[in-house]
Amino acid sequence: MNICVFCASAPQTSEAFKAEARLIGNFIAEQGHTLVYGGATGGLMDAVAEAVHEGGGDIIGVVPQVIVDKGRKSTLPDQLYIVGDMSERKEMMKEFSDVFIVLPGGFGTFDEMCDAIASGMIGFHDGKVIVVNSDDYYAGLIALIDRMHHENLGYNLKDGILKIVNSAEECINYLQTIQQ
């Protein structure tokens, strides 16, 4: 299974969030899956990719040229694709991926998550999007999704393409049920 992880690349990310990212990376490597991620250095991106790399797993990175130009291209991916922009990055990551995990992150992570959910809802892919709500990081998003459903502005996402879990361990347990 190719598992895409959307997450922060900010170096000041909390150690608790990094520990969760490493758990996901360890699982990917141990199970013989492939990590698909943004291919940049720093933060949770490094944490998950380092764990996969140290466990002998395969890594696909997709990084925009602007990040390469800033000297933030990771050396960990086995396959690294350099693309022109963020839209191309998202499209390529979706093409490579069977499932999507969303760890804490900023606007880039949020953009990737929304794109994966919206494109899955209309049938461009059939992968689940798993949001890891570590330390209640995504509480505001969960409230917004509930409001969207209440106002009839969105499907009941939590019963379809979207799965919300509270920890990396819960995410791993869920992944084990869908990989069979």
N, C-alpha and C. Protein backbone atom coordinates (compact mmCIF):
# COMPACT_ATOMS: atom_id res chain seq x y z
N MET A 1 0.85 -1.18 0.00
CA MET A 1 0.00 0.00 0.00
C MET A 1 0.89 1.24 0.00
N ASN A 2 0.54 2.22 -0.80
CA ASN A 2 1.22 3.51 -0.79
C ASN A 2 0.45 4.44 0.12
N ILE A 3 1.11 4.90 1.17
CA ILE A 3 0.47 5.72 2.19
C ILE A 3 1.02 7.14 2.09
N CYS A 4 0.15 8.07 1.74
CA CYS A 4 0.52 9.47 1.65
C CYS A 4 0.34 10.11 3.03
N VAL A 5 1.34 10.86 3.46
CA VAL A 5 1.25 11.57 4.73
C VAL A 5 1.40 13.07 4.46
N PHE A 6 0.35 13.80 4.82
CA PHE A 6 0.37 15.26 4.77
C PHE A 6 0.71 15.75 6.17
N CYS A 7 1.69 16.64 6.31
CA CYS A 7 2.09 17.09 7.65
C CYS A 7 2.99 18.32 7.57
N ALA A 8 3.25 18.88 8.73
CA ALA A 8 4.06 20.08 8.85
C ALA A 8 5.52 19.83 8.50
N SER A 9 6.13 20.85 7.90
CA SER A 9 7.58 20.79 7.68
C SER A 9 8.29 21.81 8.58
N ALA A 10 7.54 22.53 9.39
CA ALA A 10 8.14 23.53 10.27
C ALA A 10 9.04 22.85 11.31
N PRO A 11 10.27 23.30 11.44
CA PRO A 11 11.21 22.62 12.35
C PRO A 11 10.84 22.74 13.83
N GLN A 12 10.07 23.74 14.21
CA GLN A 12 9.75 23.93 15.62
C GLN A 12 8.55 23.10 16.08
N THR A 13 8.10 22.15 15.30
CA THR A 13 6.98 21.29 15.65
C THR A 13 7.24 20.56 16.96
N SER A 14 6.19 20.37 17.74
CA SER A 14 6.34 19.76 19.07
C SER A 14 6.89 18.33 18.99
N GLU A 15 7.59 17.95 20.03
CA GLU A 15 8.15 16.59 20.11
C GLU A 15 7.04 15.54 20.17
N ALA A 16 5.91 15.88 20.79
CA ALA A 16 4.79 14.93 20.84
C ALA A 16 4.27 14.63 19.44
N PHE A 17 4.14 15.67 18.61
CA PHE A 17 3.68 15.45 17.24
C PHE A 17 4.74 14.68 16.45
N LYS A 18 6.01 14.95 16.68
CA LYS A 18 7.08 14.21 16.00
C LYS A 18 7.05 12.73 16.38
N ALA A 19 6.78 12.44 17.64
CA ALA A 19 6.69 11.05 18.09
C ALA A 19 5.56 10.32 17.37
N GLU A 20 4.44 11.00 17.19
CA GLU A 20 3.31 10.40 16.46
C GLU A 20 3.72 10.14 15.00
N ALA A 21 4.42 11.10 14.39
CA ALA A 21 4.87 10.92 13.00
C ALA A 21 5.82 9.74 12.89
N ARG A 22 6.71 9.58 13.87
CA ARG A 22 7.64 8.44 13.84
C ARG A 22 6.91 7.12 13.97
N LEU A 23 5.85 7.08 14.79
CA LEU A 23 5.06 5.84 14.90
C LEU A 23 4.46 5.46 13.54
N ILE A 24 3.92 6.44 12.86
CA ILE A 24 3.36 6.18 11.52
C ILE A 24 4.47 5.70 10.58
N GLY A 25 5.61 6.36 10.59
CA GLY A 25 6.74 5.95 9.74
C GLY A 25 7.22 4.55 10.05
N ASN A 26 7.32 4.22 11.34
CA ASN A 26 7.73 2.86 11.73
C ASN A 26 6.75 1.83 11.18
N PHE A 27 5.46 2.11 11.30
CA PHE A 27 4.44 1.19 10.80
C PHE A 27 4.59 1.00 9.29
N ILE A 28 4.75 2.09 8.56
CA ILE A 28 4.88 2.00 7.10
C ILE A 28 6.05 1.09 6.73
N ALA A 29 7.19 1.30 7.36
CA ALA A 29 8.37 0.48 7.06
C ALA A 29 8.18 -0.97 7.46
N GLU A 30 7.68 -1.19 8.68
CA GLU A 30 7.52 -2.56 9.19
C GLU A 30 6.55 -3.39 8.35
N GLN A 31 5.53 -2.73 7.81
CA GLN A 31 4.52 -3.45 7.03
C GLN A 31 4.88 -3.57 5.54
N GLY A 32 6.00 -2.98 5.14
CA GLY A 32 6.41 -3.05 3.75
C GLY A 32 5.63 -2.12 2.83
N HIS A 33 5.01 -1.10 3.41
CA HIS A 33 4.29 -0.11 2.62
C HIS A 33 5.28 0.94 2.11
N THR A 34 4.81 1.84 1.29
CA THR A 34 5.61 2.93 0.76
C THR A 34 5.06 4.25 1.26
N LEU A 35 5.95 5.12 1.73
CA LEU A 35 5.57 6.48 2.12
C LEU A 35 5.58 7.37 0.89
N VAL A 36 4.50 8.12 0.73
CA VAL A 36 4.42 9.19 -0.27
C VAL A 36 4.27 10.47 0.54
N TYR A 37 5.15 11.44 0.29
CA TYR A 37 5.07 12.67 1.07
C TYR A 37 5.67 13.82 0.29
N GLY A 38 5.68 15.01 0.90
CA GLY A 38 6.07 16.23 0.22
C GLY A 38 7.53 16.43 -0.08
N GLY A 39 8.40 15.54 0.39
CA GLY A 39 9.80 15.57 -0.01
C GLY A 39 10.65 16.71 0.51
N ALA A 40 10.14 17.44 1.50
CA ALA A 40 10.91 18.56 2.06
C ALA A 40 11.53 18.14 3.39
N THR A 41 12.42 18.99 3.88
CA THR A 41 13.05 18.74 5.18
C THR A 41 12.30 19.49 6.27
N GLY A 42 12.50 19.04 7.49
CA GLY A 42 11.97 19.74 8.66
C GLY A 42 10.73 19.10 9.26
N GLY A 43 10.55 19.35 10.53
CA GLY A 43 9.33 19.01 11.25
C GLY A 43 8.87 17.58 11.14
N LEU A 44 7.58 17.44 10.96
CA LEU A 44 6.98 16.10 10.89
C LEU A 44 7.36 15.39 9.60
N MET A 45 7.64 16.15 8.55
CA MET A 45 8.09 15.51 7.30
C MET A 45 9.37 14.74 7.55
N ASP A 46 10.33 15.35 8.21
CA ASP A 46 11.56 14.63 8.54
C ASP A 46 11.29 13.46 9.46
N ALA A 47 10.46 13.67 10.47
CA ALA A 47 10.21 12.61 11.45
C ALA A 47 9.64 11.36 10.80
N VAL A 48 8.62 11.52 9.97
CA VAL A 48 8.01 10.35 9.34
C VAL A 48 8.96 9.71 8.33
N ALA A 49 9.64 10.53 7.52
CA ALA A 49 10.54 9.99 6.50
C ALA A 49 11.76 9.32 7.12
N GLU A 50 12.32 9.91 8.17
CA GLU A 50 13.46 9.28 8.85
C GLU A 50 13.08 7.92 9.42
N ALA A 51 11.89 7.82 10.00
CA ALA A 51 11.45 6.53 10.56
C ALA A 51 11.29 5.49 9.47
N VAL A 52 10.71 5.87 8.34
CA VAL A 52 10.57 4.92 7.23
C VAL A 52 11.95 4.53 6.71
N HIS A 53 12.82 5.51 6.52
CA HIS A 53 14.17 5.25 6.01
C HIS A 53 14.95 4.33 6.96
N GLU A 54 14.93 4.64 8.25
CA GLU A 54 15.66 3.81 9.22
C GLU A 54 15.11 2.40 9.30
N GLY A 55 13.81 2.23 8.99
CA GLY A 55 13.20 0.90 9.00
C GLY A 55 13.36 0.16 7.69
N GLY A 56 14.06 0.76 6.73
CA GLY A 56 14.30 0.11 5.45
C GLY A 56 13.14 0.20 4.48
N GLY A 57 12.20 1.10 4.74
CA GLY A 57 11.04 1.24 3.87
C GLY A 57 11.32 2.10 2.65
N ASP A 58 10.38 2.07 1.72
CA ASP A 58 10.49 2.83 0.49
C ASP A 58 9.81 4.19 0.65
N ILE A 59 10.38 5.20 0.01
CA ILE A 59 9.88 6.56 0.13
C ILE A 59 9.80 7.21 -1.24
N ILE A 60 8.64 7.81 -1.52
CA ILE A 60 8.45 8.63 -2.71
C ILE A 60 8.23 10.05 -2.23
N GLY A 61 9.05 10.98 -2.71
CA GLY A 61 8.89 12.39 -2.37
C GLY A 61 8.50 13.18 -3.60
N VAL A 62 7.61 14.15 -3.40
CA VAL A 62 7.18 15.02 -4.48
C VAL A 62 7.35 16.45 -3.98
N VAL A 63 8.31 17.17 -4.54
CA VAL A 63 8.68 18.48 -4.01
C VAL A 63 8.66 19.54 -5.11
N PRO A 64 8.06 20.69 -4.82
CA PRO A 64 8.06 21.77 -5.80
C PRO A 64 9.45 22.39 -5.96
N GLN A 65 9.74 22.89 -7.14
CA GLN A 65 11.03 23.51 -7.43
C GLN A 65 11.35 24.63 -6.45
N VAL A 66 10.37 25.40 -6.04
CA VAL A 66 10.62 26.52 -5.13
C VAL A 66 11.21 26.04 -3.79
N ILE A 67 10.80 24.85 -3.35
CA ILE A 67 11.36 24.29 -2.11
C ILE A 67 12.77 23.79 -2.34
N VAL A 68 13.03 23.22 -3.51
CA VAL A 68 14.39 22.82 -3.88
C VAL A 68 15.29 24.05 -3.89
N ASP A 69 14.80 25.15 -4.48
CA ASP A 69 15.58 26.39 -4.57
C ASP A 69 15.91 26.96 -3.20
N LYS A 70 15.08 26.68 -2.22
CA LYS A 70 15.33 27.14 -0.85
C LYS A 70 16.24 26.21 -0.07
N GLY A 71 16.72 25.15 -0.73
CA GLY A 71 17.62 24.21 -0.07
C GLY A 71 16.93 23.28 0.91
N ARG A 72 15.64 23.02 0.71
CA ARG A 72 14.88 22.21 1.65
C ARG A 72 14.42 20.88 1.06
N LYS A 73 15.10 20.41 0.03
CA LYS A 73 14.78 19.11 -0.58
C LYS A 73 15.39 18.01 0.28
N SER A 74 14.60 17.02 0.63
CA SER A 74 15.08 15.90 1.43
C SER A 74 15.95 14.97 0.59
N THR A 75 16.91 14.34 1.24
CA THR A 75 17.75 13.33 0.58
C THR A 75 17.25 11.92 0.89
N LEU A 76 16.16 11.79 1.64
CA LEU A 76 15.68 10.48 2.07
C LEU A 76 14.88 9.69 1.04
N PRO A 77 14.13 10.34 0.15
CA PRO A 77 13.31 9.56 -0.79
C PRO A 77 14.14 8.67 -1.71
N ASP A 78 13.60 7.48 -1.97
CA ASP A 78 14.18 6.57 -2.96
C ASP A 78 13.86 7.08 -4.36
N GLN A 79 12.68 7.67 -4.50
CA GLN A 79 12.25 8.30 -5.74
C GLN A 79 11.85 9.73 -5.39
N LEU A 80 12.44 10.70 -6.05
CA LEU A 80 12.12 12.09 -5.78
C LEU A 80 11.69 12.75 -7.08
N TYR A 81 10.50 13.33 -7.06
CA TYR A 81 9.96 14.02 -8.22
C TYR A 81 9.94 15.51 -7.91
N ILE A 82 10.55 16.30 -8.78
CA ILE A 82 10.54 17.75 -8.63
C ILE A 82 9.50 18.29 -9.61
N VAL A 83 8.54 19.04 -9.05
CA VAL A 83 7.41 19.53 -9.84
C VAL A 83 7.41 21.06 -9.86
N GLY A 84 6.59 21.62 -10.73
CA GLY A 84 6.56 23.05 -10.91
C GLY A 84 5.85 23.83 -9.83
N ASP A 85 4.79 23.26 -9.26
CA ASP A 85 4.03 24.03 -8.28
C ASP A 85 3.26 23.09 -7.32
N MET A 86 2.56 23.70 -6.38
CA MET A 86 1.85 22.92 -5.36
C MET A 86 0.69 22.12 -5.96
N SER A 87 0.03 22.64 -6.97
CA SER A 87 -1.07 21.90 -7.59
C SER A 87 -0.56 20.62 -8.24
N GLU A 88 0.55 20.73 -8.95
CA GLU A 88 1.15 19.56 -9.58
C GLU A 88 1.59 18.55 -8.52
N ARG A 89 2.12 19.06 -7.41
CA ARG A 89 2.55 18.20 -6.30
C ARG A 89 1.36 17.39 -5.77
N LYS A 90 0.24 18.07 -5.51
CA LYS A 90 -0.94 17.39 -4.97
C LYS A 90 -1.45 16.32 -5.93
N GLU A 91 -1.49 16.66 -7.22
CA GLU A 91 -1.99 15.70 -8.21
C GLU A 91 -1.10 14.46 -8.26
N MET A 92 0.20 14.66 -8.26
CA MET A 92 1.12 13.52 -8.33
C MET A 92 1.03 12.67 -7.06
N MET A 93 0.94 13.32 -5.92
CA MET A 93 0.84 12.57 -4.67
C MET A 93 -0.44 11.73 -4.65
N LYS A 94 -1.53 12.28 -5.14
CA LYS A 94 -2.79 11.52 -5.19
C LYS A 94 -2.66 10.33 -6.14
N GLU A 95 -2.00 10.54 -7.28
CA GLU A 95 -1.82 9.45 -8.25
C GLU A 95 -1.07 8.27 -7.64
N PHE A 96 -0.08 8.56 -6.81
CA PHE A 96 0.75 7.52 -6.22
C PHE A 96 0.11 6.83 -5.02
N SER A 97 -0.93 7.39 -4.44
CA SER A 97 -1.38 6.99 -3.10
C SER A 97 -2.66 6.18 -3.07
N ASP A 98 -2.70 5.25 -2.11
CA ASP A 98 -3.89 4.43 -1.86
C ASP A 98 -4.70 4.95 -0.68
N VAL A 99 -4.04 5.63 0.24
CA VAL A 99 -4.68 6.15 1.44
C VAL A 99 -3.90 7.40 1.87
N PHE A 100 -4.57 8.29 2.58
CA PHE A 100 -3.98 9.56 2.98
C PHE A 100 -4.08 9.74 4.49
N ILE A 101 -2.98 10.11 5.12
CA ILE A 101 -2.97 10.40 6.55
C ILE A 101 -2.65 11.88 6.71
N VAL A 102 -3.41 12.54 7.57
CA VAL A 102 -3.20 13.96 7.84
C VAL A 102 -2.76 14.12 9.28
N LEU A 103 -1.50 14.53 9.46
CA LEU A 103 -0.97 14.83 10.78
C LEU A 103 -1.05 16.35 10.98
N PRO A 104 -0.76 16.86 12.17
CA PRO A 104 -0.80 18.30 12.36
C PRO A 104 0.07 19.04 11.34
N GLY A 105 -0.42 20.19 10.94
CA GLY A 105 0.31 21.00 9.98
C GLY A 105 -0.36 22.34 9.80
N GLY A 106 0.18 23.14 8.91
CA GLY A 106 -0.32 24.48 8.65
C GLY A 106 -1.17 24.52 7.39
N PHE A 107 -1.11 25.67 6.71
CA PHE A 107 -1.96 25.87 5.54
C PHE A 107 -1.67 24.90 4.41
N GLY A 108 -0.40 24.51 4.21
CA GLY A 108 -0.08 23.54 3.16
C GLY A 108 -0.74 22.20 3.44
N THR A 109 -0.65 21.75 4.68
CA THR A 109 -1.28 20.49 5.08
C THR A 109 -2.79 20.58 4.92
N PHE A 110 -3.35 21.70 5.38
CA PHE A 110 -4.79 21.90 5.29
C PHE A 110 -5.25 21.88 3.82
N ASP A 111 -4.50 22.53 2.95
CA ASP A 111 -4.80 22.55 1.53
C ASP A 111 -4.77 21.13 0.94
N GLU A 112 -3.73 20.37 1.27
CA GLU A 112 -3.60 19.01 0.76
C GLU A 112 -4.75 18.14 1.25
N MET A 113 -5.10 18.28 2.54
CA MET A 113 -6.19 17.49 3.11
C MET A 113 -7.51 17.81 2.40
N CYS A 114 -7.83 19.10 2.28
CA CYS A 114 -9.10 19.49 1.64
C CYS A 114 -9.16 19.00 0.20
N ASP A 115 -8.04 19.08 -0.51
CA ASP A 115 -8.00 18.61 -1.89
C ASP A 115 -8.24 17.10 -1.96
N ALA A 116 -7.61 16.35 -1.06
CA ALA A 116 -7.79 14.88 -1.06
C ALA A 116 -9.24 14.52 -0.73
N ILE A 117 -9.84 15.22 0.22
CA ILE A 117 -11.24 14.94 0.57
C ILE A 117 -12.16 15.30 -0.60
N ALA A 118 -12.04 16.51 -1.12
CA ALA A 118 -12.94 16.97 -2.19
C ALA A 118 -12.81 16.12 -3.44
N SER A 119 -11.58 15.80 -3.83
CA SER A 119 -11.40 15.00 -5.05
C SER A 119 -11.88 13.57 -4.84
N GLY A 120 -11.76 13.05 -3.63
CA GLY A 120 -12.29 11.72 -3.34
C GLY A 120 -13.82 11.71 -3.34
N MET A 121 -14.42 12.78 -2.83
CA MET A 121 -15.89 12.85 -2.78
C MET A 121 -16.51 12.78 -4.17
N ILE A 122 -15.82 13.33 -5.16
CA ILE A 122 -16.41 13.32 -6.51
C ILE A 122 -15.84 12.21 -7.40
N GLY A 123 -15.02 11.33 -6.80
CA GLY A 123 -14.62 10.13 -7.50
C GLY A 123 -13.28 10.12 -8.20
N PHE A 124 -12.43 11.11 -7.95
CA PHE A 124 -11.11 11.09 -8.59
C PHE A 124 -10.17 10.07 -7.96
N HIS A 125 -10.47 9.65 -6.75
CA HIS A 125 -9.74 8.55 -6.11
C HIS A 125 -10.67 7.90 -5.11
N ASP A 126 -10.30 6.71 -4.65
CA ASP A 126 -11.15 6.03 -3.67
C ASP A 126 -10.42 5.77 -2.36
N GLY A 127 -9.36 6.52 -2.10
CA GLY A 127 -8.60 6.36 -0.87
C GLY A 127 -9.25 7.06 0.30
N LYS A 128 -9.15 6.45 1.47
CA LYS A 128 -9.60 7.08 2.70
C LYS A 128 -8.65 8.21 3.08
N VAL A 129 -9.19 9.23 3.73
CA VAL A 129 -8.41 10.32 4.30
C VAL A 129 -8.55 10.20 5.82
N ILE A 130 -7.43 9.93 6.48
CA ILE A 130 -7.44 9.71 7.93
C ILE A 130 -6.80 10.91 8.60
N VAL A 131 -7.59 11.64 9.37
CA VAL A 131 -7.09 12.80 10.10
C VAL A 131 -6.73 12.36 11.50
N VAL A 132 -5.47 12.57 11.87
CA VAL A 132 -4.98 12.20 13.20
C VAL A 132 -5.11 13.44 14.09
N ASN A 133 -6.08 13.42 14.97
CA ASN A 133 -6.42 14.55 15.83
C ASN A 133 -5.58 14.52 17.12
N SER A 134 -4.28 14.49 16.97
CA SER A 134 -3.36 14.44 18.11
C SER A 134 -3.55 15.66 19.00
N ASP A 135 -3.66 15.44 20.28
CA ASP A 135 -3.79 16.52 21.26
C ASP A 135 -4.90 17.49 20.87
N ASP A 136 -5.97 16.95 20.25
CA ASP A 136 -7.14 17.74 19.84
C ASP A 136 -6.79 18.84 18.85
N TYR A 137 -5.71 18.64 18.08
CA TYR A 137 -5.25 19.65 17.13
C TYR A 137 -6.33 20.04 16.13
N TYR A 138 -7.11 19.07 15.68
CA TYR A 138 -8.11 19.34 14.65
C TYR A 138 -9.52 19.52 15.21
N ALA A 139 -9.66 19.89 16.48
CA ALA A 139 -10.98 20.09 17.09
C ALA A 139 -11.81 21.11 16.32
N GLY A 140 -11.18 22.21 15.90
CA GLY A 140 -11.90 23.23 15.14
C GLY A 140 -12.39 22.70 13.80
N LEU A 141 -11.58 21.90 13.14
CA LEU A 141 -11.98 21.29 11.87
C LEU A 141 -13.16 20.35 12.08
N ILE A 142 -13.10 19.56 13.12
CA ILE A 142 -14.19 18.61 13.41
C ILE A 142 -15.48 19.37 13.66
N ALA A 143 -15.41 20.48 14.40
CA ALA A 143 -16.60 21.31 14.64
C ALA A 143 -17.12 21.88 13.33
N LEU A 144 -16.22 22.32 12.45
CA LEU A 144 -16.64 22.85 11.16
C LEU A 144 -17.32 21.77 10.32
N ILE A 145 -16.76 20.58 10.27
CA ILE A 145 -17.37 19.49 9.51
C ILE A 145 -18.77 19.18 10.05
N ASP A 146 -18.90 19.14 11.37
CA ASP A 146 -20.22 18.91 11.97
C ASP A 146 -21.20 20.01 11.58
N ARG A 147 -20.73 21.25 11.58
CA ARG A 147 -21.59 22.38 11.20
C ARG A 147 -21.98 22.27 9.73
N MET A 148 -21.03 21.93 8.87
CA MET A 148 -21.33 21.77 7.44
C MET A 148 -22.44 20.73 7.25
N HIS A 149 -22.33 19.63 7.97
CA HIS A 149 -23.35 18.58 7.87
C HIS A 149 -24.69 19.09 8.39
N HIS A 150 -24.67 19.76 9.54
CA HIS A 150 -25.90 20.30 10.14
C HIS A 150 -26.59 21.29 9.20
N GLU A 151 -25.81 22.09 8.50
CA GLU A 151 -26.35 23.11 7.60
C GLU A 151 -26.62 22.56 6.19
N ASN A 152 -26.46 21.24 6.03
CA ASN A 152 -26.66 20.59 4.73
C ASN A 152 -25.74 21.15 3.65
N LEU A 153 -24.52 21.49 4.04
CA LEU A 153 -23.54 22.03 3.10
C LEU A 153 -22.46 21.02 2.73
N GLY A 154 -22.56 19.84 3.28
CA GLY A 154 -21.57 18.81 2.98
C GLY A 154 -22.11 17.45 3.37
N TYR A 155 -21.55 16.46 2.78
CA TYR A 155 -21.92 15.10 3.13
C TYR A 155 -21.48 14.81 4.55
N ASN A 156 -22.00 13.74 5.11
CA ASN A 156 -21.53 13.31 6.42
C ASN A 156 -20.18 12.61 6.20
N LEU A 157 -19.15 13.42 6.06
CA LEU A 157 -17.83 12.94 5.68
C LEU A 157 -17.29 11.88 6.61
N LYS A 158 -17.61 11.98 7.88
CA LYS A 158 -17.01 11.05 8.85
C LYS A 158 -17.52 9.63 8.67
N ASP A 159 -18.55 9.44 7.85
CA ASP A 159 -19.04 8.09 7.57
C ASP A 159 -18.61 7.61 6.19
N GLY A 160 -17.88 8.42 5.47
CA GLY A 160 -17.49 8.07 4.12
C GLY A 160 -16.01 8.08 3.92
N ILE A 161 -15.55 9.02 3.13
CA ILE A 161 -14.13 9.09 2.76
C ILE A 161 -13.24 9.47 3.94
N LEU A 162 -13.79 10.19 4.91
CA LEU A 162 -13.00 10.75 6.00
C LEU A 162 -13.12 9.91 7.26
N LYS A 163 -11.98 9.62 7.86
CA LYS A 163 -11.92 8.92 9.15
C LYS A 163 -11.11 9.80 10.08
N ILE A 164 -11.67 10.11 11.24
CA ILE A 164 -10.96 10.91 12.23
C ILE A 164 -10.58 10.02 13.40
N VAL A 165 -9.31 10.04 13.75
CA VAL A 165 -8.79 9.25 14.86
C VAL A 165 -8.07 10.19 15.82
N ASN A 166 -7.82 9.73 17.03
CA ASN A 166 -7.24 10.61 18.05
C ASN A 166 -5.76 10.42 18.31
N SER A 167 -5.14 9.46 17.62
CA SER A 167 -3.71 9.22 17.85
C SER A 167 -3.12 8.43 16.70
N ALA A 168 -1.80 8.42 16.63
CA ALA A 168 -1.12 7.61 15.62
C ALA A 168 -1.42 6.13 15.83
N GLU A 169 -1.50 5.72 17.08
CA GLU A 169 -1.81 4.31 17.38
C GLU A 169 -3.19 3.93 16.84
N GLU A 170 -4.17 4.80 17.04
CA GLU A 170 -5.51 4.54 16.52
C GLU A 170 -5.50 4.53 14.99
N CYS A 171 -4.70 5.39 14.39
CA CYS A 171 -4.56 5.42 12.93
C CYS A 171 -3.98 4.09 12.43
N ILE A 172 -2.95 3.61 13.10
CA ILE A 172 -2.33 2.34 12.71
C ILE A 172 -3.33 1.20 12.82
N ASN A 173 -4.08 1.17 13.91
CA ASN A 173 -5.10 0.12 14.07
C ASN A 173 -6.12 0.16 12.93
N TYR A 174 -6.53 1.36 12.54
CA TYR A 174 -7.46 1.50 11.43
C TYR A 174 -6.82 1.05 10.11
N LEU A 175 -5.58 1.46 9.87
CA LEU A 175 -4.87 1.05 8.66
C LEU A 175 -4.81 -0.47 8.54
N GLN A 176 -4.62 -1.14 9.66
CA GLN A 176 -4.54 -2.60 9.63
C GLN A 176 -5.86 -3.21 9.20
N THR A 177 -6.98 -2.55 9.49
CA THR A 177 -8.27 -3.09 9.07
C THR A 177 -8.52 -2.90 7.59
N ILE A 178 -7.96 -1.83 7.00
CA ILE A 178 -8.22 -1.59 5.58
C ILE A 178 -7.17 -2.19 4.66
N GLN A 179 -6.05 -2.66 5.21
CA GLN A 179 -5.01 -3.24 4.35
C GLN A 179 -5.26 -4.70 4.05
N GLN A 180 -6.25 -5.28 4.67
CA GLN A 180 -6.50 -6.71 4.49
C GLN A 180 -7.27 -6.99 3.23
